[in-house]
Amino acid sequence: MAQRAAMGASRMTLDPFVTILVMYGFVMSGAICVLFWAFKDSFNLSGRLFLFSEVLRIPTIITIAVVHAAPDLKTGLAYFIGNSFFYASELTFVFSLHALPRNQGSRIYPKLLLVIFVLTALIEIVRLYDDFLPVQLYAIVLATISSSAIWVCMTTEDDQLRRAPFWRILTCIEATLLALALLRIVVQISGTALTPMRDGSQNLILLAVWLALLVFRYVCYQSIWMTWNAPHAEENRFNRTLLSSLRERDLLLQKLVASNRRASVSALASSLAHQLSQPLTGAALQAEAVKQKLIDSREGGDALPGVEKVTDILGHLLGVVRNLRSLFGARDDGFQELMLGPLCDEVIKLVQFSSKADGVTIAIKGRIAIPILGNPIQIQQVLVNLIDNAIEAGGNTSNRTIELEFSERPGRAALAVRDYGPGFSPEVLENLFDLFRTTRESGTGIGLWLCRQIVEKHKGTISAFNHLDGGACVRVEFPAAGIPT
């Protein structure tokens, strides 16, 4: 009974080759599933080739396990299946590395794949007459493929990829596979065959080392996709967090640059306002004095309207300067109830003195019966910028009409300024209100940005779009006075 039990236990003992191959099969089956899960949303060419190389290795693993579990099946067909699919797998892996930085394939790949199967068939024909030479030939083929992988790793055009640590490790793994192939050639010359298809402790060690290198290679390839990023590298589940972090970093840098520009403009505006306020105040006082003398002398009746107009313009300019200083200052401005209609009337009178306004017709549509809460100088500054931009946009068109359309809805008052020019391009609309963005050759890129700052300070909104009937339109909307914001 004891003898029978021992015999039964010996039959149940698994072949070490089969044990290693089964463990590797489980590991790589899970790895292939992870690879497919990671790349299924954006499966680029390199990922597809790498996955295909892993799938091509499956017949080789099965064949090696079968010939060790059932030695009677160790035939020329088994050698052909095991070796042809293995070398096809290695060749496919080389082309997956080639496609990684380029994201494009090679026309020679299908031809070389066919050559592998034809070459393996010829080697197996040689086996019919010589059992020594095929092992040497297979080792030479493996050494050639490994050398190609090393060459691809070392000559990649992507400097960032070449410096990636896992790319270097991958190069070392391929160098180790090349060394194993050369070792097989040397050992075979001494009369000892090194091949996973045969029994023996040296062949078991070779198989274990070979499978371990394949696992490490898989880990390196995945790690490259987790750590390496390029403009043409597609997003997958492994690098999604990395790419998101990089995008957030770029956005933060853009915001910091914009914030720095705003700070610069703020300092410049405060300095200009300070430099302009004194001469403007002096000019206003002189104009007022001249006006008073003309009134007292009663002899300058014809000149008096012109001097009064100069006095009004200087007063408005002083208000604009004070507004500019207060806009960038830390203190709050005093708001009051305003009507958009009368404010627009004052701006239109001021704009009509501009030489650009010659031949321009300003049409007013609608009306607003509800007041808004705001600073009159700041609101007028917005209106001046919008109307001036509209006049500029329609300067070279036959229809030089500017439309000001008032409208209101519960709790909101709005004004739309429309011209009949060429309108906004999609690229311009994207960042029209950004600082230093302008569509005019002589523009500073500050006007519309300043308008947005003022409107938002008044808890309002500003938007731009192309009118359905042609031309560009900018719309501002403010909350009505007494409405919580």
Protein backbone atom coordinates (compact mmCIF):
# COMPACT_ATOMS: atom_id res chain seq x y z
CA MET A 1 0.00 0.00 0.00
CA ALA A 2 2.79 2.38 0.87
CA GLN A 3 4.48 1.65 -2.45
CA ARG A 4 1.27 2.41 -4.34
CA ALA A 5 0.80 5.67 -2.45
CA ALA A 6 4.35 6.71 -3.30
CA MET A 7 3.77 5.89 -6.97
CA GLY A 8 0.52 7.90 -6.93
CA ALA A 9 2.26 10.86 -5.32
CA SER A 10 5.01 10.74 -7.94
CA ARG A 11 2.42 10.83 -10.72
CA MET A 12 0.75 13.87 -9.13
CA THR A 13 4.02 15.81 -8.93
CA LEU A 14 4.06 18.55 -11.55
CA ASP A 15 6.98 19.00 -13.89
CA PRO A 16 9.01 22.09 -12.77
CA PHE A 17 8.90 23.48 -16.31
CA VAL A 18 5.11 23.21 -16.34
CA THR A 19 4.88 24.79 -12.87
CA ILE A 20 6.91 27.82 -13.89
CA LEU A 21 4.99 28.20 -17.14
CA VAL A 22 1.60 27.96 -15.41
CA MET A 23 2.63 30.64 -12.90
CA TYR A 24 3.88 32.84 -15.72
CA GLY A 25 0.66 32.24 -17.63
CA PHE A 26 -1.45 33.44 -14.71
CA VAL A 27 0.75 36.50 -14.19
CA MET A 28 0.74 37.51 -17.84
CA SER A 29 -2.97 36.84 -18.31
CA GLY A 30 -3.67 39.33 -15.55
CA ALA A 31 -1.08 41.71 -17.00
CA ILE A 32 -2.67 41.56 -20.45
CA CYS A 33 -6.07 42.32 -18.93
CA VAL A 34 -4.59 45.30 -17.07
CA LEU A 35 -2.92 46.50 -20.27
CA PHE A 36 -6.17 46.30 -22.23
CA TRP A 37 -8.08 48.02 -19.42
CA ALA A 38 -5.52 50.81 -19.31
CA PHE A 39 -5.46 51.48 -23.05
CA LYS A 40 -8.96 50.64 -24.20
CA ASP A 41 -10.07 54.30 -24.16
CA SER A 42 -7.08 55.47 -26.22
CA PHE A 43 -5.37 52.39 -27.64
CA ASN A 44 -2.56 53.82 -29.73
CA LEU A 45 -0.38 51.86 -32.14
CA SER A 46 2.43 51.11 -29.71
CA GLY A 47 0.00 49.79 -27.11
CA ARG A 48 -1.74 47.59 -29.67
CA LEU A 49 1.56 46.14 -30.88
CA PHE A 50 2.74 45.48 -27.33
CA LEU A 51 -0.52 43.73 -26.50
CA PHE A 52 -0.25 41.73 -29.73
CA SER A 53 3.29 40.67 -28.79
CA GLU A 54 2.01 39.36 -25.46
CA VAL A 55 -0.77 37.43 -27.20
CA LEU A 56 1.67 35.94 -29.73
CA ARG A 57 3.71 34.49 -26.86
CA ILE A 58 0.79 32.39 -25.61
CA PRO A 59 1.22 29.54 -28.19
CA THR A 60 4.91 29.36 -27.23
CA ILE A 61 4.13 29.01 -23.53
CA ILE A 62 1.49 26.37 -24.20
CA THR A 63 3.80 24.43 -26.53
CA ILE A 64 6.69 24.35 -24.01
CA ALA A 65 4.32 23.18 -21.26
CA VAL A 66 2.84 20.46 -23.49
CA VAL A 67 6.17 18.99 -24.63
CA HIS A 68 7.35 18.79 -21.01
CA ALA A 69 4.09 17.27 -19.77
CA ALA A 70 3.91 14.83 -22.72
CA PRO A 71 7.39 14.23 -24.22
CA ASP A 72 5.88 12.14 -26.99
CA LEU A 73 4.49 15.36 -28.53
CA LYS A 74 7.97 16.85 -28.93
CA THR A 75 7.92 16.89 -32.73
CA GLY A 76 9.03 19.20 -35.50
CA LEU A 77 5.56 20.78 -35.47
CA ALA A 78 5.87 21.59 -31.75
CA TYR A 79 9.28 23.18 -32.33
CA PHE A 80 7.87 25.19 -35.25
CA ILE A 81 4.89 26.50 -33.25
CA GLY A 82 6.90 27.31 -30.14
CA ASN A 83 9.77 29.04 -31.89
CA SER A 84 7.90 30.83 -34.69
CA PHE A 85 5.36 32.47 -32.37
CA PHE A 86 8.07 33.38 -29.85
CA TYR A 87 10.23 35.15 -32.41
CA ALA A 88 7.14 36.78 -33.95
CA SER A 89 6.31 38.03 -30.45
CA GLU A 90 9.83 39.46 -29.97
CA LEU A 91 9.75 41.12 -33.40
CA THR A 92 6.36 42.70 -32.63
CA PHE A 93 7.73 44.03 -29.34
CA VAL A 94 10.62 45.72 -31.20
CA PHE A 95 8.14 47.49 -33.48
CA SER A 96 6.02 48.52 -30.48
CA LEU A 97 9.12 50.31 -29.14
CA HIS A 98 9.69 51.84 -32.58
CA ALA A 99 6.12 53.19 -32.64
CA LEU A 100 6.15 54.53 -29.08
CA PRO A 101 7.73 57.99 -29.70
CA ARG A 102 6.38 58.30 -33.26
CA ASN A 103 2.87 56.87 -32.90
CA GLN A 104 3.17 55.48 -36.41
CA GLY A 105 3.90 52.05 -37.80
CA SER A 106 6.35 50.64 -40.33
CA ARG A 107 5.48 49.01 -43.65
CA ILE A 108 8.27 46.49 -43.24
CA TYR A 109 6.73 44.91 -40.12
CA PRO A 110 4.24 42.55 -41.90
CA LYS A 111 6.98 41.44 -44.29
CA LEU A 112 9.41 40.66 -41.47
CA LEU A 113 6.65 38.81 -39.63
CA LEU A 114 6.19 36.59 -42.67
CA VAL A 115 9.96 36.11 -42.90
CA ILE A 116 10.02 34.87 -39.29
CA PHE A 117 7.51 32.09 -40.00
CA VAL A 118 9.24 31.11 -43.25
CA LEU A 119 12.67 31.13 -41.58
CA THR A 120 11.38 28.99 -38.69
CA ALA A 121 9.96 26.46 -41.16
CA LEU A 122 13.31 26.26 -42.96
CA ILE A 123 15.16 25.76 -39.67
CA GLU A 124 12.81 22.90 -38.79
CA ILE A 125 13.54 21.31 -42.16
CA VAL A 126 17.23 21.52 -41.26
CA ARG A 127 16.40 19.71 -37.99
CA LEU A 128 15.45 16.66 -40.04
CA TYR A 129 19.11 16.27 -40.98
CA ASP A 130 20.98 17.93 -38.08
CA ASP A 131 19.84 18.38 -34.49
CA PHE A 132 22.77 20.67 -33.59
CA LEU A 133 22.45 23.47 -36.13
CA PRO A 134 18.82 24.58 -35.42
CA VAL A 135 19.64 25.56 -31.82
CA GLN A 136 22.47 27.74 -33.14
CA LEU A 137 20.27 29.30 -35.80
CA TYR A 138 17.49 30.08 -33.33
CA ALA A 139 20.01 31.70 -30.97
CA ILE A 140 21.33 33.82 -33.84
CA VAL A 141 17.79 34.95 -34.73
CA LEU A 142 17.10 35.87 -31.09
CA ALA A 143 20.41 37.75 -30.85
CA THR A 144 19.51 39.70 -34.00
CA ILE A 145 16.07 40.68 -32.68
CA SER A 146 17.47 41.68 -29.28
CA SER A 147 20.15 43.77 -30.99
CA SER A 148 17.41 45.51 -32.98
CA ALA A 149 15.53 46.32 -29.76
CA ILE A 150 18.67 47.79 -28.21
CA TRP A 151 19.28 49.86 -31.36
CA VAL A 152 15.71 51.21 -31.25
CA CYS A 153 16.09 52.13 -27.56
CA MET A 154 19.40 53.91 -28.08
CA THR A 155 18.49 55.80 -31.26
CA THR A 156 15.01 57.06 -30.38
CA GLU A 157 14.48 60.66 -31.55
CA ASP A 158 12.63 61.64 -28.38
CA ASP A 159 15.24 63.01 -25.97
CA GLN A 160 12.80 62.99 -23.07
CA LEU A 161 12.04 59.32 -23.67
CA ARG A 162 15.72 58.44 -24.04
CA ARG A 163 16.44 59.98 -20.64
CA ALA A 164 13.50 58.26 -18.95
CA PRO A 165 14.79 55.84 -16.26
CA PHE A 166 12.49 52.98 -17.23
CA TRP A 167 13.55 53.32 -20.87
CA ARG A 168 17.14 52.80 -19.74
CA ILE A 169 16.14 49.78 -17.68
CA LEU A 170 14.34 48.41 -20.71
CA THR A 171 17.53 48.80 -22.73
CA CYS A 172 19.45 46.85 -20.06
CA ILE A 173 16.84 44.05 -20.15
CA GLU A 174 17.24 43.76 -23.92
CA ALA A 175 21.02 43.69 -23.46
CA THR A 176 20.58 40.81 -20.99
CA LEU A 177 18.42 38.92 -23.50
CA LEU A 178 21.14 39.47 -26.10
CA ALA A 179 23.73 38.09 -23.65
CA LEU A 180 21.57 34.99 -23.08
CA ALA A 181 21.36 34.41 -26.83
CA LEU A 182 25.12 34.71 -27.21
CA LEU A 183 25.59 32.39 -24.21
CA ARG A 184 23.42 29.77 -25.92
CA ILE A 185 25.64 29.98 -29.01
CA VAL A 186 28.83 29.56 -26.97
CA VAL A 187 27.44 26.74 -24.82
CA GLN A 188 26.10 24.92 -27.86
CA ILE A 189 29.57 24.98 -29.41
CA SER A 190 30.89 23.22 -26.28
CA GLY A 191 28.34 20.46 -26.78
CA THR A 192 25.59 21.45 -24.30
CA ALA A 193 22.22 22.54 -25.62
CA LEU A 194 20.44 25.45 -23.90
CA THR A 195 16.78 25.43 -24.92
CA PRO A 196 13.56 25.58 -22.90
CA MET A 197 12.13 22.78 -25.05
CA ARG A 198 14.44 20.19 -23.44
CA ASP A 199 14.82 18.84 -19.91
CA GLY A 200 17.73 19.62 -17.65
CA SER A 201 18.53 21.96 -14.78
CA GLN A 202 20.42 24.37 -17.04
CA ASN A 203 17.38 24.63 -19.32
CA LEU A 204 15.08 25.15 -16.32
CA ILE A 205 17.30 28.02 -15.13
CA LEU A 206 17.31 29.47 -18.65
CA LEU A 207 13.50 29.33 -18.77
CA ALA A 208 13.15 30.94 -15.33
CA VAL A 209 15.55 33.76 -16.17
CA TRP A 210 13.92 34.31 -19.56
CA LEU A 211 10.38 34.52 -18.08
CA ALA A 212 11.58 36.83 -15.29
CA LEU A 213 13.10 39.19 -17.85
CA LEU A 214 9.85 39.20 -19.82
CA VAL A 215 7.91 40.16 -16.67
CA PHE A 216 10.40 42.94 -15.88
CA ARG A 217 10.14 44.15 -19.46
CA TYR A 218 6.37 44.31 -19.20
CA VAL A 219 6.62 46.32 -15.95
CA CYS A 220 9.09 48.74 -17.58
CA TYR A 221 6.83 49.29 -20.58
CA GLN A 222 3.86 50.05 -18.34
CA SER A 223 5.99 52.32 -16.16
CA ILE A 224 7.08 54.28 -19.22
CA TRP A 225 3.45 55.06 -19.97
CA MET A 226 2.92 56.06 -16.35
CA THR A 227 5.87 58.47 -16.20
CA TRP A 228 6.61 59.62 -19.74
CA ASN A 229 4.55 62.27 -21.46
CA ALA A 230 4.81 63.74 -24.94
CA PRO A 231 2.49 65.91 -27.08
CA HIS A 232 1.51 62.89 -29.17
CA ALA A 233 1.33 60.40 -26.27
CA GLU A 234 -2.33 59.53 -25.82
CA GLU A 235 -4.02 59.65 -22.45
CA ASN A 236 -4.75 56.35 -20.74
CA ARG A 237 -5.76 55.22 -17.28
CA PHE A 238 -2.15 54.97 -16.17
CA ASN A 239 -1.06 58.49 -17.07
CA ARG A 240 -4.40 60.27 -16.68
CA THR A 241 -3.52 61.62 -13.23
CA LEU A 242 -0.10 62.72 -14.46
CA LEU A 243 -1.53 64.53 -17.48
CA SER A 244 -4.20 66.15 -15.32
CA SER A 245 -1.52 67.40 -12.92
CA LEU A 246 0.53 68.77 -15.83
CA ARG A 247 -2.51 70.59 -17.21
CA GLU A 248 -3.26 72.06 -13.77
CA ARG A 249 0.37 73.17 -13.51
CA ASP A 250 0.21 74.89 -16.91
CA LEU A 251 -3.07 76.56 -15.98
CA LEU A 252 -1.60 77.77 -12.70
CA LEU A 253 1.40 79.21 -14.55
CA GLN A 254 -0.90 80.99 -16.99
CA LYS A 255 -2.88 82.46 -14.10
CA LEU A 256 0.30 83.59 -12.39
CA VAL A 257 1.49 85.28 -15.58
CA ALA A 258 -1.90 86.96 -16.03
CA SER A 259 -1.87 88.03 -12.38
CA ASN A 260 1.59 89.49 -12.82
CA ARG A 261 0.44 91.38 -15.91
CA ARG A 262 -2.57 92.74 -14.04
CA ALA A 263 -0.32 93.90 -11.23
CA SER A 264 1.92 95.63 -13.77
CA VAL A 265 -1.04 97.31 -15.46
CA SER A 266 -2.40 98.33 -12.05
CA ALA A 267 0.86 100.02 -11.14
CA LEU A 268 1.08 101.66 -14.56
CA ALA A 269 -2.52 102.88 -14.40
CA SER A 270 -2.06 104.35 -10.93
CA SER A 271 1.15 106.09 -12.04
CA LEU A 272 -0.44 107.49 -15.20
CA ALA A 273 -3.49 108.66 -13.30
CA HIS A 274 -1.32 110.42 -10.77
CA GLN A 275 0.79 112.08 -13.52
CA LEU A 276 -2.26 113.19 -15.50
CA SER A 277 -4.44 114.45 -12.68
CA GLN A 278 -2.38 117.58 -11.93
CA PRO A 279 -2.04 118.96 -15.50
CA LEU A 280 -5.68 118.16 -16.21
CA THR A 281 -6.76 119.92 -13.04
CA GLY A 282 -4.66 122.95 -14.01
CA ALA A 283 -6.10 122.96 -17.53
CA ALA A 284 -9.63 122.71 -16.13
CA LEU A 285 -9.03 125.65 -13.79
CA GLN A 286 -7.59 127.74 -16.62
CA ALA A 287 -10.55 126.89 -18.87
CA GLU A 288 -12.96 127.79 -16.09
CA ALA A 289 -11.15 131.09 -15.57
CA VAL A 290 -11.32 131.91 -19.30
CA LYS A 291 -14.98 130.98 -19.29
CA GLN A 292 -15.66 133.29 -16.34
CA LYS A 293 -13.80 136.18 -17.99
CA LEU A 294 -15.82 135.73 -21.19
CA ILE A 295 -19.01 135.77 -19.15
CA ASP A 296 -17.95 138.87 -17.25
CA SER A 297 -16.76 140.75 -20.33
CA ARG A 298 -19.89 139.91 -22.31
CA GLU A 299 -17.82 140.22 -25.50
CA GLY A 300 -16.94 136.60 -26.24
CA GLY A 301 -20.36 135.27 -27.06
CA ASP A 302 -19.14 133.24 -30.06
CA ALA A 303 -16.20 131.72 -28.17
CA LEU A 304 -18.14 130.94 -24.99
CA PRO A 305 -19.84 127.71 -26.23
CA GLY A 306 -16.46 126.32 -27.32
CA VAL A 307 -14.85 127.13 -23.98
CA GLU A 308 -17.79 125.57 -22.15
CA LYS A 309 -17.35 122.42 -24.24
CA VAL A 310 -13.62 122.33 -23.38
CA THR A 311 -14.52 122.74 -19.71
CA ASP A 312 -16.99 119.85 -19.87
CA ILE A 313 -14.49 117.58 -21.65
CA LEU A 314 -11.75 118.38 -19.15
CA GLY A 315 -14.16 117.66 -16.32
CA HIS A 316 -15.01 114.31 -17.85
CA LEU A 317 -11.34 113.45 -18.35
CA LEU A 318 -10.63 114.29 -14.71
CA GLY A 319 -13.46 111.95 -13.75
CA VAL A 320 -11.95 109.18 -15.91
CA VAL A 321 -8.55 109.65 -14.26
CA ARG A 322 -10.08 109.57 -10.76
CA ASN A 323 -12.03 106.47 -11.77
CA LEU A 324 -8.88 104.77 -13.03
CA ARG A 325 -7.12 105.42 -9.74
CA SER A 326 -10.06 104.20 -7.70
CA LEU A 327 -10.55 101.11 -9.88
CA PHE A 328 -7.09 99.80 -9.02
CA GLY A 329 -7.13 101.11 -5.49
CA ALA A 330 -7.99 99.12 -2.40
CA ARG A 331 -10.86 101.29 -1.21
CA ASP A 332 -14.48 100.83 -2.24
CA ASP A 333 -16.12 103.31 -4.62
CA GLY A 334 -19.29 105.06 -3.72
CA PHE A 335 -22.11 103.66 -5.85
CA GLN A 336 -25.38 105.42 -6.58
CA GLU A 337 -28.56 104.81 -8.50
CA LEU A 338 -28.09 105.45 -12.22
CA MET A 339 -30.05 105.26 -15.44
CA LEU A 340 -28.21 103.75 -18.40
CA GLY A 341 -30.08 105.89 -20.93
CA PRO A 342 -28.87 109.33 -19.77
CA LEU A 343 -25.34 107.97 -19.28
CA CYS A 344 -25.31 106.80 -22.90
CA ASP A 345 -26.53 110.18 -24.10
CA GLU A 346 -23.56 111.87 -22.43
CA VAL A 347 -21.12 109.35 -23.91
CA ILE A 348 -22.59 109.75 -27.39
CA LYS A 349 -22.12 113.53 -27.19
CA LEU A 350 -18.51 113.02 -26.18
CA VAL A 351 -17.78 110.36 -28.84
CA GLN A 352 -19.26 112.45 -31.65
CA PHE A 353 -16.34 114.88 -31.34
CA SER A 354 -13.96 112.11 -32.41
CA SER A 355 -12.67 112.24 -36.00
CA LYS A 356 -13.37 108.49 -36.30
CA ALA A 357 -17.07 109.19 -35.78
CA ASP A 358 -17.44 111.20 -39.01
CA GLY A 359 -20.19 109.59 -41.07
CA VAL A 360 -21.20 107.24 -38.25
CA THR A 361 -24.87 106.92 -37.39
CA ILE A 362 -25.75 105.89 -33.84
CA ALA A 363 -29.20 104.32 -33.62
CA ILE A 364 -30.84 103.75 -30.25
CA LYS A 365 -33.43 101.02 -29.75
CA GLY A 366 -35.55 100.27 -26.70
CA ARG A 367 -35.40 101.88 -23.31
CA ILE A 368 -34.76 101.02 -19.68
CA ALA A 369 -37.09 102.19 -16.93
CA ILE A 370 -35.28 100.60 -13.99
CA PRO A 371 -32.19 102.11 -12.33
CA ILE A 372 -28.94 100.30 -11.67
CA LEU A 373 -26.47 100.75 -8.84
CA GLY A 374 -22.98 101.83 -9.86
CA ASN A 375 -20.28 104.40 -10.29
CA PRO A 376 -21.23 106.77 -13.14
CA ILE A 377 -17.67 107.45 -14.29
CA GLN A 378 -16.84 103.75 -14.41
CA ILE A 379 -20.01 102.87 -16.31
CA GLN A 380 -19.33 105.68 -18.77
CA GLN A 381 -15.81 104.33 -19.25
CA VAL A 382 -17.31 101.00 -20.30
CA LEU A 383 -19.71 102.71 -22.70
CA VAL A 384 -16.92 104.81 -24.22
CA ASN A 385 -14.79 101.72 -24.87
CA LEU A 386 -17.63 99.69 -26.38
CA ILE A 387 -18.89 102.48 -28.66
CA ASP A 388 -15.36 103.44 -29.70
CA ASN A 389 -14.58 99.79 -30.57
CA ALA A 390 -17.79 99.53 -32.58
CA ILE A 391 -16.92 102.69 -34.55
CA GLU A 392 -13.44 101.30 -35.21
CA ALA A 393 -14.82 97.89 -36.35
CA GLY A 394 -17.20 99.44 -38.87
CA GLY A 395 -14.69 101.98 -40.21
CA ASN A 396 -14.06 100.24 -43.55
CA THR A 397 -17.61 99.09 -44.25
CA SER A 398 -20.37 100.69 -46.28
CA ASN A 399 -22.83 100.54 -43.39
CA ARG A 400 -21.34 102.67 -40.62
CA THR A 401 -24.29 102.36 -38.26
CA ILE A 402 -23.82 101.63 -34.57
CA GLU A 403 -26.86 100.22 -32.77
CA LEU A 404 -27.39 100.66 -29.04
CA GLU A 405 -30.22 98.39 -27.93
CA PHE A 406 -31.56 98.72 -24.38
CA SER A 407 -33.52 95.92 -22.79
CA GLU A 408 -34.59 94.82 -19.35
CA ARG A 409 -35.88 91.77 -17.59
CA PRO A 410 -36.91 91.25 -13.96
CA GLY A 411 -34.10 92.61 -11.84
CA ARG A 412 -31.66 93.17 -14.74
CA ALA A 413 -30.89 96.02 -17.16
CA ALA A 414 -28.88 95.41 -20.32
CA LEU A 415 -27.29 97.26 -23.23
CA ALA A 416 -26.07 95.68 -26.47
CA VAL A 417 -23.65 97.59 -28.73
CA ARG A 418 -23.62 96.29 -32.30
CA ASP A 419 -21.65 97.24 -35.40
CA TYR A 420 -21.89 96.11 -39.04
CA GLY A 421 -18.25 95.16 -39.46
CA PRO A 422 -16.74 91.72 -40.22
CA GLY A 423 -17.49 90.34 -36.75
CA PHE A 424 -15.29 88.27 -34.45
CA SER A 425 -13.32 85.24 -35.57
CA PRO A 426 -13.70 82.08 -33.39
CA GLU A 427 -10.10 82.44 -32.21
CA VAL A 428 -10.68 86.03 -31.09
CA LEU A 429 -13.95 85.23 -29.32
CA GLU A 430 -12.18 82.62 -27.19
CA ASN A 431 -10.09 85.16 -25.29
CA LEU A 432 -11.55 88.52 -26.29
CA PHE A 433 -11.62 89.90 -22.73
CA ASP A 434 -8.15 88.71 -21.75
CA LEU A 435 -5.48 91.21 -20.89
CA PHE A 436 -3.31 92.40 -23.83
CA ARG A 437 -5.62 90.72 -26.38
CA THR A 438 -6.50 93.02 -29.27
CA THR A 439 -7.68 92.72 -32.88
CA ARG A 440 -6.54 96.23 -33.84
CA GLU A 441 -3.07 97.09 -35.05
CA SER A 442 -2.90 100.13 -32.77
CA GLY A 443 -4.80 98.52 -29.91
CA THR A 444 -3.30 98.00 -26.44
CA GLY A 445 -5.42 95.02 -25.43
CA ILE A 446 -6.53 96.80 -22.25
CA GLY A 447 -9.90 98.32 -23.18
CA LEU A 448 -12.14 95.25 -23.15
CA TRP A 449 -10.24 93.74 -20.25
CA LEU A 450 -10.87 96.96 -18.31
CA CYS A 451 -14.55 96.81 -19.29
CA ARG A 452 -14.82 93.31 -17.85
CA GLN A 453 -13.13 94.38 -14.61
CA ILE A 454 -15.58 97.27 -14.20
CA VAL A 455 -18.66 95.22 -15.12
CA GLU A 456 -17.72 92.40 -12.76
CA LYS A 457 -17.03 94.94 -10.02
CA HIS A 458 -20.64 96.05 -10.50
CA LYS A 459 -21.82 92.40 -10.21
CA GLY A 460 -22.76 92.44 -13.88
CA THR A 461 -21.90 90.32 -16.90
CA ILE A 462 -20.33 91.11 -20.27
CA SER A 463 -20.38 88.89 -23.35
CA ALA A 464 -19.50 89.10 -27.03
CA PHE A 465 -20.91 87.29 -30.05
CA ASN A 466 -21.52 87.65 -33.77
CA HIS A 467 -24.95 88.94 -34.73
CA LEU A 468 -27.06 86.64 -36.90
CA ASP A 469 -27.53 89.45 -39.45
CA GLY A 470 -23.84 90.33 -39.53
CA GLY A 471 -21.46 92.36 -37.44
CA ALA A 472 -20.19 92.01 -33.90
CA CYS A 473 -22.16 92.61 -30.74
CA VAL A 474 -21.05 93.16 -27.13
CA ARG A 475 -23.69 92.98 -24.42
CA VAL A 476 -23.43 94.23 -20.83
CA GLU A 477 -25.97 93.50 -18.14
CA PHE A 478 -26.25 94.97 -14.65
CA PRO A 479 -28.46 94.10 -11.69
CA ALA A 480 -31.18 96.60 -10.91
CA ALA A 481 -30.76 98.82 -7.88
CA GLY A 482 -32.08 97.21 -4.71
CA ILE A 483 -31.66 93.66 -6.07
CA PRO A 484 -29.42 91.47 -3.86
CA THR A 485 -26.34 90.19 -5.74
